[in-house]
């Protein structure tokens, strides 16, 4: 699915276009590069999203649980 540059998704820092639509990709890139405020806003949004999604307090327990499952599976197959 794709969205126009003015959509809420685009304002959130995600600009999507049809695959292989080089003209749309170029148009969006030029829009970002020609408007300093837009690039800055997208960068701020990206930082916020990265902190939310990859916060160590949230991610580490997920890895620990995954490793427990893997170790349990391996231990069960070798028992």
C-alpha atoms as a PDB file:
ATOM      1  CA  UNK A   1       0.000   0.000   0.000  1.00  0.00           C
ATOM      2  CA  UNK A   2       1.243   3.500  -0.684  1.00  0.00           C
ATOM      3  CA  UNK A   3       0.398   6.927   0.614  1.00  0.00           C
ATOM      4  CA  UNK A   4       0.758  10.428  -0.738  1.00  0.00           C
ATOM      5  CA  UNK A   5       3.454  12.667   0.718  1.00  0.00           C
ATOM      6  CA  UNK A   6       0.837  14.723   2.547  1.00  0.00           C
ATOM      7  CA  UNK A   7      -0.636  11.763   4.405  1.00  0.00           C
ATOM      8  CA  UNK A   8      -0.411  11.209   8.150  1.00  0.00           C
ATOM      9  CA  UNK A   9       2.001   8.360   7.502  1.00  0.00           C
ATOM     10  CA  UNK A  10       4.299  10.678   5.567  1.00  0.00           C
ATOM     11  CA  UNK A  11       4.158  13.240   8.359  1.00  0.00           C
ATOM     12  CA  UNK A  12       5.135  10.489  10.783  1.00  0.00           C
ATOM     13  CA  UNK A  13       8.416  10.134   8.911  1.00  0.00           C
ATOM     14  CA  UNK A  14       7.434   7.277   6.632  1.00  0.00           C
ATOM     15  CA  UNK A  15       7.106   8.158   2.996  1.00  0.00           C
ATOM     16  CA  UNK A  16       5.938   5.237   0.943  1.00  0.00           C
ATOM     17  CA  UNK A  17       5.374   4.987  -2.771  1.00  0.00           C
ATOM     18  CA  UNK A  18       4.677   2.303  -5.298  1.00  0.00           C
ATOM     19  CA  UNK A  19       7.613  -0.062  -5.780  1.00  0.00           C
ATOM     20  CA  UNK A  20       9.843   0.972  -8.686  1.00  0.00           C
ATOM     21  CA  UNK A  21       8.242   4.427  -8.852  1.00  0.00           C
ATOM     22  CA  UNK A  22      11.537   6.244  -9.210  1.00  0.00           C
ATOM     23  CA  UNK A  23       9.871   9.582  -9.975  1.00  0.00           C
ATOM     24  CA  UNK A  24       7.851   9.469  -6.739  1.00  0.00           C
ATOM     25  CA  UNK A  25      10.934   8.504  -4.732  1.00  0.00           C
ATOM     26  CA  UNK A  26      12.897  11.362  -6.279  1.00  0.00           C
ATOM     27  CA  UNK A  27      10.041  13.810  -5.662  1.00  0.00           C
ATOM     28  CA  UNK A  28       9.880  12.846  -1.962  1.00  0.00           C
ATOM     29  CA  UNK A  29      13.656  13.012  -1.607  1.00  0.00           C
ATOM     30  CA  UNK A  30      13.721  16.487  -3.148  1.00  0.00           C
ATOM     31  CA  UNK A  31      10.909  17.589  -0.844  1.00  0.00           C
ATOM     32  CA  UNK A  32      12.845  16.463   2.219  1.00  0.00           C
ATOM     33  CA  UNK A  33      16.142  17.909   1.033  1.00  0.00           C
ATOM     34  CA  UNK A  34      14.649  21.247   0.004  1.00  0.00           C
ATOM     35  CA  UNK A  35      12.835  21.834   3.285  1.00  0.00           C
ATOM     36  CA  UNK A  36      15.165  21.877   6.250  1.00  0.00           C
ATOM     37  CA  UNK A  37      12.228  21.839   8.687  1.00  0.00           C
ATOM     38  CA  UNK A  38      10.822  18.676   7.133  1.00  0.00           C
ATOM     39  CA  UNK A  39      14.082  16.763   7.330  1.00  0.00           C
ATOM     40  CA  UNK A  40      14.572  17.896  10.916  1.00  0.00           C
ATOM     41  CA  UNK A  41      11.027  16.872  11.870  1.00  0.00           C
ATOM     42  CA  UNK A  42      11.461  13.463  10.248  1.00  0.00           C
ATOM     43  CA  UNK A  43      14.748  12.988  12.117  1.00  0.00           C
ATOM     44  CA  UNK A  44      13.111  13.841  15.435  1.00  0.00           C
ATOM     45  CA  UNK A  45      10.265  11.428  14.728  1.00  0.00           C
ATOM     46  CA  UNK A  46      12.744   8.700  13.797  1.00  0.00           C
ATOM     47  CA  UNK A  47      14.687   9.203  17.047  1.00  0.00           C
ATOM     48  CA  UNK A  48      11.503   9.015  19.119  1.00  0.00           C
ATOM     49  CA  UNK A  49      10.364   5.865  17.318  1.00  0.00           C
ATOM     50  CA  UNK A  50      13.793   4.234  17.692  1.00  0.00           C
ATOM     51  CA  UNK A  51      13.854   4.950  21.424  1.00  0.00           C
ATOM     52  CA  UNK A  52      10.383   3.454  21.820  1.00  0.00           C
ATOM     53  CA  UNK A  53      11.019   0.414  19.672  1.00  0.00           C
ATOM     54  CA  UNK A  54      14.581  -0.395  20.694  1.00  0.00           C
ATOM     55  CA  UNK A  55      14.715   0.688  24.335  1.00  0.00           C
ATOM     56  CA  UNK A  56      17.076  -1.688  26.147  1.00  0.00           C
ATOM     57  CA  UNK A  57      14.574  -2.098  28.990  1.00  0.00           C
ATOM     58  CA  UNK A  58      12.074  -3.508  26.486  1.00  0.00           C
ATOM     59  CA  UNK A  59      14.330  -5.346  24.055  1.00  0.00           C
ATOM     60  CA  UNK A  60      16.630  -7.205  26.453  1.00  0.00           C
ATOM     61  CA  UNK A  61      13.812  -9.185  28.125  1.00  0.00           C
ATOM     62  CA  UNK A  62      12.586 -10.235  24.666  1.00  0.00           C
ATOM     63  CA  UNK A  63      16.039 -11.564  23.776  1.00  0.00           C
ATOM     64  CA  UNK A  64      16.357 -13.294  27.143  1.00  0.00           C
ATOM     65  CA  UNK A  65      13.018 -15.056  26.638  1.00  0.00           C
ATOM     66  CA  UNK A  66      13.979 -16.063  23.111  1.00  0.00           C
ATOM     67  CA  UNK A  67      17.306 -17.479  24.308  1.00  0.00           C
ATOM     68  CA  UNK A  68      15.512 -19.424  27.072  1.00  0.00           C
ATOM     69  CA  UNK A  69      13.236 -20.961  24.452  1.00  0.00           C
ATOM     70  CA  UNK A  70      16.153 -21.870  22.189  1.00  0.00           C
ATOM     71  CA  UNK A  71      18.138 -23.367  25.059  1.00  0.00           C
ATOM     72  CA  UNK A  72      15.071 -25.298  26.199  1.00  0.00           C
ATOM     73  CA  UNK A  73      14.499 -26.668  22.697  1.00  0.00           C
ATOM     74  CA  UNK A  74      18.126 -27.687  22.274  1.00  0.00           C
ATOM     75  CA  UNK A  75      18.237 -29.259  25.749  1.00  0.00           C
ATOM     76  CA  UNK A  76      15.028 -31.199  25.047  1.00  0.00           C
ATOM     77  CA  UNK A  77      16.380 -32.612  21.774  1.00  0.00           C
ATOM     78  CA  UNK A  78      19.625 -33.781  23.445  1.00  0.00           C
ATOM     79  CA  UNK A  79      18.009 -35.298  26.524  1.00  0.00           C
END
